[in-house]
Protein backbone atom coordinates (compact mmCIF):
# COMPACT_ATOMS: atom_id res chain seq x y z
CA MET A 1 124.15 108.93 90.34
CA HIS A 2 125.55 106.24 88.07
CA HIS A 3 123.60 103.69 90.12
CA ILE A 4 120.37 105.62 89.60
CA PHE A 5 120.85 105.68 85.82
CA TYR A 6 121.62 101.97 85.91
CA CYS A 7 118.30 101.28 87.63
CA MET A 8 116.47 103.50 85.16
CA LYS A 9 118.05 101.65 82.26
CA LYS A 10 117.10 98.29 83.72
CA MET A 11 113.45 99.36 83.86
CA ARG A 12 113.12 100.58 80.26
CA PHE A 13 110.78 97.75 79.34
CA LEU A 14 108.14 99.13 81.71
CA SER A 15 105.97 101.85 80.24
CA LEU A 16 105.40 103.08 83.76
CA ALA A 17 108.16 102.53 86.29
CA VAL A 18 107.35 104.00 89.65
CA TRP A 19 109.83 103.83 92.49
CA LEU A 20 108.06 102.75 95.61
CA ILE A 21 109.20 101.95 99.10
CA GLY A 22 110.63 105.34 99.84
CA PHE A 23 113.06 105.47 96.91
CA ASN A 24 115.10 102.87 98.77
CA LEU A 25 114.97 100.82 95.58
CA CYS A 26 118.03 102.27 93.89
CA PHE A 27 119.68 104.53 96.43
CA SER A 28 119.61 105.66 100.03
CA PRO A 29 118.90 109.38 100.51
CA LEU A 30 122.03 110.17 102.54
CA HIS A 31 122.39 113.45 100.71
CA SER A 32 119.13 114.60 102.26
CA GLN A 33 120.86 114.87 105.64
CA THR A 34 121.99 118.30 104.52
CA SER A 35 118.49 119.52 103.75
CA ALA A 36 116.96 122.00 106.16
CA TYR A 37 113.82 119.90 106.43
CA SER A 38 115.69 116.80 107.61
CA VAL A 39 118.06 118.65 109.93
CA HIS A 40 115.22 120.37 111.76
CA PHE A 41 112.61 117.62 111.68
CA LEU A 42 113.05 116.53 115.32
CA ASP A 43 113.26 120.15 116.46
CA ASN A 44 109.96 120.84 114.75
CA GLN A 45 108.36 117.78 116.31
CA LYS A 46 109.58 118.80 119.77
CA THR A 47 107.67 122.08 119.53
CA PHE A 48 104.68 119.95 120.52
CA PRO A 49 104.95 119.53 124.32
CA ARG A 50 103.63 115.96 124.31
CA ILE A 51 106.23 114.96 121.69
CA SER A 52 109.10 116.62 123.57
CA GLU A 53 108.21 114.77 126.77
CA MET A 54 107.68 111.50 124.90
CA MET A 55 111.00 111.79 123.08
CA SER A 56 112.92 112.17 126.35
CA ARG A 57 111.17 109.16 127.84
CA GLU A 58 111.14 106.84 124.84
CA ASP A 59 114.70 107.65 123.77
CA ASP A 60 115.99 106.15 127.00
CA THR A 61 113.68 103.11 126.78
CA LEU A 62 114.55 102.41 123.15
CA ARG A 63 118.28 102.87 123.74
CA LYS A 64 118.16 100.16 126.40
CA GLN A 65 116.18 97.83 124.12
CA PHE A 66 118.70 98.38 121.32
CA GLN A 67 121.59 97.62 123.68
CA VAL A 68 120.03 94.32 124.70
CA LYS A 69 119.77 93.31 121.02
CA GLN A 70 123.22 94.71 120.18
CA LEU A 71 121.80 97.30 117.81
CA ILE A 72 123.05 100.85 117.30
CA TRP A 73 120.75 103.58 118.59
CA PRO A 74 119.25 105.55 116.95
CA ALA A 75 118.66 103.59 113.74
CA ARG A 76 119.27 105.55 110.53
CA PHE A 77 117.08 103.24 108.47
CA VAL A 78 113.77 101.65 109.50
CA TYR A 79 111.76 99.05 107.57
CA ILE A 80 108.26 98.02 108.64
CA ARG A 81 106.40 94.84 107.63
CA SER A 82 102.75 94.35 108.54
CA PHE A 83 100.89 91.04 108.28
CA LYS A 84 97.12 91.48 108.18
CA TYR A 85 95.83 88.03 109.05
CA ASP A 86 98.54 87.42 111.66
CA SER A 87 97.89 90.82 113.30
CA GLU A 88 101.60 91.57 113.47
CA LEU A 89 103.76 94.58 112.68
CA GLU A 90 107.50 93.90 112.45
CA VAL A 91 110.22 96.54 112.78
CA TRP A 92 113.67 96.09 111.20
CA VAL A 93 116.58 98.53 111.45
CA LYS A 94 120.08 99.23 110.15
CA ASN A 95 122.59 102.08 110.16
CA LYS A 96 124.42 101.88 106.81
CA PRO A 97 122.97 101.62 103.27
CA GLY A 98 124.89 98.44 102.42
CA GLU A 99 124.07 96.64 105.64
CA LYS A 100 121.39 94.02 105.96
CA TYR A 101 118.36 94.91 108.04
CA LYS A 102 118.30 93.45 111.53
CA TYR A 103 115.17 92.48 113.40
CA PHE A 104 114.16 94.75 116.28
CA LYS A 105 110.71 93.69 117.50
CA THR A 106 107.12 92.78 116.64
CA TYR A 107 104.04 94.71 117.73
CA LYS A 108 100.60 93.09 117.88
CA ILE A 109 97.98 94.85 115.76
CA CYS A 110 94.99 95.48 118.01
CA ALA A 111 92.13 95.43 115.52
CA LEU A 112 91.41 94.58 111.91
CA ALA A 113 88.71 95.48 109.42
CA GLY A 114 87.69 93.94 106.13
CA SER A 115 89.26 90.80 104.69
CA LEU A 116 92.39 89.69 102.87
CA GLY A 117 93.14 91.32 99.54
CA PRO A 118 94.06 94.86 98.49
CA LYS A 119 92.00 97.98 99.13
CA ARG A 120 90.13 98.99 95.98
CA MET A 121 87.67 101.73 96.96
CA ALA A 122 86.57 104.11 99.71
CA GLY A 123 84.31 102.49 102.27
CA ASP A 124 85.40 98.90 101.60
CA TYR A 125 86.69 98.70 105.18
CA GLN A 126 89.92 97.21 103.85
CA VAL A 127 93.40 97.63 105.19
CA PRO A 128 95.51 98.08 102.03
CA GLU A 129 98.04 95.51 100.89
CA GLY A 130 101.12 96.57 98.98
CA PHE A 131 104.24 98.71 99.17
CA TYR A 132 103.97 102.07 100.91
CA TYR A 133 106.01 104.57 102.88
CA ILE A 134 105.37 106.95 105.76
CA ASN A 135 104.36 110.35 104.42
CA GLU A 136 102.99 112.02 107.56
CA PHE A 137 103.84 112.34 111.25
CA ASN A 138 100.74 113.48 113.13
CA PRO A 139 101.34 114.45 116.79
CA ARG A 140 97.74 115.71 117.10
CA SER A 141 96.01 112.51 116.06
CA LEU A 142 92.67 111.63 117.62
CA TYR A 143 94.17 108.15 118.00
CA HIS A 144 97.02 109.25 120.30
CA LEU A 145 99.70 109.48 117.56
CA SER A 146 99.67 108.43 113.93
CA LEU A 147 101.98 107.77 111.00
CA GLY A 148 100.34 108.32 107.62
CA LEU A 149 100.91 106.06 104.62
CA ASN A 150 100.96 107.12 100.97
CA TYR A 151 97.80 105.23 100.02
CA PRO A 152 96.75 105.29 97.21
CA ASN A 153 100.15 104.63 95.65
CA ALA A 154 100.90 104.37 91.92
CA SER A 155 99.48 100.84 91.66
CA ASP A 156 96.36 101.68 93.67
CA ARG A 157 95.60 104.71 91.51
CA MET A 158 95.54 102.49 88.44
CA LEU A 159 93.56 99.58 89.90
CA CYS A 160 91.21 101.25 92.41
CA ASP A 161 87.84 102.84 91.82
CA MET A 162 89.09 106.02 90.13
CA SER A 163 86.29 108.18 91.51
CA GLN A 164 86.65 107.11 95.16
CA PRO A 165 89.88 105.21 95.91
CA GLY A 166 89.77 106.14 99.58
CA GLY A 167 92.61 107.44 101.69
CA ASP A 168 93.68 108.47 105.19
CA ILE A 169 95.43 105.19 106.04
CA TYR A 170 97.52 105.38 109.21
CA ILE A 171 99.43 103.34 111.72
CA HIS A 172 98.04 104.74 114.97
CA GLY A 173 97.29 104.12 118.62
CA SER A 174 94.03 103.60 120.55
CA CYS A 175 93.41 100.00 119.41
CA VAL A 176 90.39 100.81 117.22
CA THR A 177 90.18 100.93 113.44
CA THR A 178 88.08 101.76 110.41
CA GLY A 179 90.62 100.41 107.93
CA CYS A 180 93.94 101.50 109.44
CA ILE A 181 96.65 99.63 111.38
CA PRO A 182 96.12 100.21 115.12
CA ILE A 183 98.56 99.31 117.88
CA THR A 184 98.60 100.29 121.54
CA ASP A 185 99.43 103.82 122.67
CA GLY A 186 102.75 102.69 124.16
CA GLN A 187 103.69 100.90 120.96
CA ILE A 188 102.85 103.83 118.66
CA GLU A 189 105.00 106.06 120.89
CA GLU A 190 107.98 103.75 120.36
CA LEU A 191 107.39 103.44 116.63
CA TYR A 192 106.83 107.18 116.24
CA VAL A 193 110.16 107.95 117.94
CA LEU A 194 112.01 105.29 115.92
CA ALA A 195 110.63 106.66 112.65
CA ALA A 196 111.22 110.30 113.67
CA HIS A 197 114.91 109.65 114.32
CA ALA A 198 115.31 107.90 110.96
CA LYS A 199 113.51 110.76 109.25
CA ASP A 200 115.73 113.29 111.01
CA MET A 201 118.86 111.46 109.82
CA GLY A 202 117.81 111.45 106.19
CA GLN A 203 115.45 108.53 105.54
CA ASP A 204 112.74 110.62 103.90
CA PHE A 205 110.80 107.55 102.71
CA ILE A 206 110.41 104.93 105.44
CA PRO A 207 109.04 101.77 103.76
CA VAL A 208 105.93 100.10 105.13
CA HIS A 209 105.00 96.86 103.35
CA ILE A 210 101.60 95.39 104.13
CA PHE A 211 101.26 91.65 103.41
CA PRO A 212 98.09 89.54 103.56
CA VAL A 213 99.75 86.96 105.80
CA ASN A 214 103.12 86.03 107.23
CA PHE A 215 104.17 83.59 104.51
CA SER A 216 106.43 81.72 106.93
CA ASN A 217 103.36 80.67 108.95
CA PRO A 218 101.84 77.52 107.35
CA ARG A 219 98.40 78.04 108.87
CA SER A 220 98.26 81.62 107.66
CA VAL A 221 99.22 80.52 104.14
CA ALA A 222 96.52 77.85 104.26
CA TYR A 223 93.96 80.51 105.20
CA LEU A 224 95.12 82.70 102.30
CA ASN A 225 94.84 79.76 99.90
CA ARG A 226 91.25 79.12 101.00
CA PHE A 227 90.49 82.83 100.51
CA LEU A 228 91.94 82.78 96.99
CA ILE A 229 89.66 79.90 95.96
CA ASN A 230 86.73 82.34 96.17
CA PHE A 231 88.67 85.43 95.06
CA ASN A 232 90.98 84.03 92.39
CA GLU A 233 91.30 87.45 90.74
CA PHE A 234 93.74 88.31 93.53
CA VAL A 235 96.08 85.35 92.85
CA PRO A 236 98.64 87.31 90.74
CA PHE A 237 98.61 90.15 93.26
CA GLU A 238 99.19 87.89 96.24
CA LYS A 239 101.89 86.00 94.33
CA SER A 240 103.82 89.26 93.91
CA MET A 241 103.42 89.94 97.62
CA GLN A 242 104.73 86.45 98.37
CA ASN A 243 107.75 87.00 96.13
CA ALA A 244 108.57 90.29 97.85
CA PHE A 245 108.28 88.60 101.24
CA TYR A 246 110.74 85.88 100.29
CA TYR A 247 113.12 88.39 98.71
CA PHE A 248 113.46 90.10 102.06
CA GLU A 249 113.69 86.78 103.90
CA LYS A 250 116.63 85.82 101.67
CA ASN A 251 118.46 89.16 101.45
CA HIS A 252 117.29 91.27 104.42
CA GLN A 253 117.14 94.20 102.03
CA VAL A 254 114.06 96.11 100.88
CA PRO A 255 112.80 94.40 97.70
CA PRO A 256 113.17 96.49 94.50
CA VAL A 257 109.53 96.74 93.44
CA VAL A 258 108.27 98.72 90.45
CA VAL A 259 104.84 99.17 88.91
CA ASN A 260 104.20 98.27 85.28
CA ALA A 261 101.71 99.75 82.81
CA LYS A 262 98.93 97.50 84.15
CA GLY A 263 99.41 98.67 87.71
CA GLU A 264 100.97 95.36 88.71
CA TYR A 265 103.86 95.08 91.15
CA VAL A 266 107.00 93.72 89.47
CA LEU A 267 110.26 92.53 91.00
CA GLU A 268 112.85 92.82 88.23
CA ASP A 269 116.13 90.89 88.11
CA VAL A 270 115.38 89.26 91.45
CA ALA A 271 116.22 85.62 92.00
CA ILE A 272 113.12 84.33 93.75
CA PRO A 273 113.29 80.80 95.12
CA THR A 274 110.70 78.30 93.98
CA ILE A 275 107.83 78.84 96.36
CA GLN A 276 105.64 76.02 97.53
CA SER A 277 102.73 76.63 99.85
CA PRO A 278 103.61 74.84 103.10
CA LYS A 279 101.60 71.72 103.86
CA ILE A 280 99.80 71.71 107.17
CA GLU A 281 98.05 69.17 109.31
CA THR A 282 94.30 69.25 108.88
CA LYS A 283 93.55 67.72 112.26
CA THR A 284 91.44 69.76 114.62
CA ALA A 285 93.00 70.31 118.03
CA LEU A 286 91.09 68.52 120.76
CA GLY A 287 89.03 70.69 123.07
CA LEU A 288 88.79 73.69 120.76
CA HIS A 289 85.37 75.19 120.22
CA HIS A 290 84.57 76.38 116.68
CA PRO A 291 81.19 78.11 116.39
CA VAL A 292 79.39 77.74 113.07
CA GLN A 293 79.36 80.94 111.01
CA PRO A 294 75.66 81.73 110.44
CA ILE A 295 76.13 83.79 107.27
CA PRO A 296 78.17 82.39 104.35
CA GLU A 297 81.31 84.33 103.45
CA ASP A 298 80.00 85.35 100.04
CA GLU A 299 76.91 86.95 101.62
CA LEU A 300 78.94 89.29 103.82
CA ALA A 301 79.61 92.83 102.62
CA ILE A 302 83.05 93.43 101.14
CA SER A 303 82.56 97.18 100.72
CA VAL A 304 80.18 99.55 102.48
CA ASP A 305 79.16 103.19 102.26
CA LYS A 306 78.77 103.50 106.02
CA LEU A 307 80.78 101.55 108.56
CA PRO A 308 79.12 99.78 111.51
CA LEU A 309 79.36 101.79 114.72
CA TYR A 310 79.48 100.53 118.29
CA PRO A 311 77.00 102.36 120.56
CA GLY A 312 78.89 105.41 121.77
CA GLY A 313 81.41 105.21 118.94
CA ASN A 314 85.05 104.09 118.91
CA PRO A 315 85.88 105.54 122.37
CA ALA A 316 83.09 103.42 123.90
CA PHE A 317 84.25 100.34 122.00
CA LYS A 318 87.78 100.85 123.32
CA LEU A 319 86.39 100.97 126.87
CA PHE A 320 84.54 97.70 126.18
CA ILE A 321 87.76 96.07 124.93
CA ASP A 322 89.81 97.42 127.86
CA LYS A 323 87.32 96.11 130.41
CA LEU A 324 87.14 92.73 128.69
CA SER A 325 90.94 92.50 128.65
CA ALA A 326 91.08 93.26 132.38
CA ASP A 327 88.35 90.71 133.14
CA MET A 328 90.29 87.98 131.31
CA ILE A 329 93.47 88.34 133.39
CA LYS A 330 92.14 85.77 135.83
CA GLU A 331 91.82 83.29 132.95
CA LEU A 332 95.54 83.33 132.13
CA GLU A 333 97.13 79.94 132.64
CA PRO A 334 99.58 79.43 135.54
CA GLY A 335 102.85 81.19 134.78
CA GLN A 336 101.36 83.01 131.78
CA ARG A 337 101.77 86.79 131.81
CA LYS A 338 100.26 87.80 128.48
CA ALA A 339 97.91 86.51 125.79
CA PHE A 340 96.66 87.85 122.47
CA VAL A 341 93.28 86.58 121.32
CA LEU A 342 92.33 87.31 117.70
CA MET A 343 88.56 87.47 117.37
CA GLU A 344 86.43 87.53 114.25
CA TYR A 345 82.80 88.56 114.61
CA ILE A 346 79.83 89.42 112.44
CA ILE A 347 77.58 92.45 112.88
CA ASP A 348 74.40 91.60 110.99
CA GLU A 349 72.05 93.89 109.07
CA ASN A 350 70.18 94.68 112.32
CA GLY A 351 73.37 95.70 114.16
CA LYS A 352 73.48 92.55 116.30
CA ALA A 353 76.70 90.63 116.91
CA ILE A 354 75.44 87.19 115.81
CA TYR A 355 78.77 85.37 115.63
CA ALA A 356 82.11 85.53 117.41
CA ASN A 357 85.01 83.13 117.06
CA ALA A 358 88.45 83.17 118.68
CA ILE A 359 90.63 82.13 115.75
CA SER A 360 93.98 82.27 117.53
CA GLY A 361 95.56 82.79 120.93
CA GLY A 362 94.20 82.48 124.44
CA ASN A 363 92.89 79.21 125.85
CA ASP A 364 89.57 77.38 125.69
CA LYS A 365 88.05 78.92 128.82
CA MET A 366 89.23 82.45 128.04
CA ASN A 367 88.14 82.26 124.42
CA LEU A 368 84.65 81.01 125.26
CA LYS A 369 84.16 83.90 127.68
CA ILE A 370 85.36 86.45 125.12
CA GLU A 371 83.07 84.98 122.46
CA LYS A 372 80.14 85.23 124.88
CA ALA A 373 81.01 88.86 125.67
CA PHE A 374 81.10 89.73 121.97
CA THR A 375 77.76 88.12 121.12
CA GLY A 376 76.31 89.88 124.18
CA MET A 377 77.23 93.36 122.95
CA ALA A 378 74.53 96.00 122.66
CA LEU A 379 73.18 96.73 119.17
CA TRP A 380 75.52 98.52 116.79
CA SER A 381 74.48 100.91 114.06
CA PRO A 382 74.73 98.47 111.13
CA ALA A 383 76.87 98.84 108.03
CA VAL A 384 75.13 100.42 105.04
CA ARG A 385 75.72 99.63 101.38
CA GLN A 386 73.76 101.50 98.67
CA GLY A 387 71.13 102.58 101.17
CA LYS A 388 70.62 99.07 102.56
CA ASN A 389 71.77 97.62 105.89
CA VAL A 390 74.22 94.76 105.31
CA PRO A 391 76.11 92.23 107.48
CA ILE A 392 79.89 92.51 107.75
CA LYS A 393 82.68 90.54 109.39
CA LEU A 394 85.24 92.34 111.58
CA LYS A 395 88.33 91.30 113.52
CA GLN A 396 89.64 92.48 116.87
CA THR A 397 92.65 91.52 118.94
CA ILE A 398 92.16 91.29 122.71
CA MET A 399 95.41 91.77 124.63
CA VAL A 400 95.31 90.22 128.09
CA GLU A 401 98.26 91.14 130.29
CA ALA A 402 98.83 90.57 133.99
CA PRO A 403 99.84 93.70 135.95
């Protein structure tokens, strides 16, 4: 309790100090292990037959993975970092409050919507950026399973469109998205079980931090810097995200973030190293094909009232992606078992895919074939903004894996 009062005292200069990241800022909720809700959480989840079966199966699989990495199963504390541009979701674990988090694994995010930068209104097709925690376990999700996030948080409520901030942001399965964080069905099963065990053992607020890029990747940082040239209003926001990233890199503890009266994220009393954007080579790799984007970035919709829809909806789009992934297996290089190809593509105001570019992963031959498949898609129902059809850029990860 003394520690809590100490943290409160240290934040007196903020007119609004909101504890984020699952109240892991100043204490760990070990006392909640005695609450009826925590004690019976797994029992309640297992009343769903699919969850009971999945728990039995995934417990054994995860225990073996933890043994290989010399981690203690089950983990009492889970920390999740998501990197939008890099299409990655990292999982870190520990078993005592004072311990440093240890890396467990990285999941590839299957699809992305919108662009870099925080979510500021409903219908902007944005994945949020910021500091959140899991506030819902949904075993009946239409997307296999889902873990809800507490968007909008205290900062979002101050900086978003007050009348329509949006909501319903999840980490889920099925590899399709309208602004959430999708991973594969097998991956969401693992993550769901990991988080459920931590919840059952008292971690009521499992932190999920969503960053624009992985700041340790020079090319990702370079992409963010180019983005910020056109959207310089986001520079202070992304700087705070960068500071939080490096705090964790240095300490392997959840960064103590609060929100001030302006809705800005603040890291108080944190020694942040001087941060320089990494320099990268500007040479273009030989043999890579880079199609010319036909519509300038500033003419693409940032927010829409109606999202573009693949003919037949998300289930049909998933079938398209699954078939394309299977077709590309023969394009894997000798000895290669798996590839992740991150595609960006534009659906124009007529619903036509007029541009597709493989921006990472794969190989030249595979990427060209995937680009051709995307631009050959049937007409979508276009995005709509204020009653007018508008073009929008989307991203999608294609996972190619040999059987």
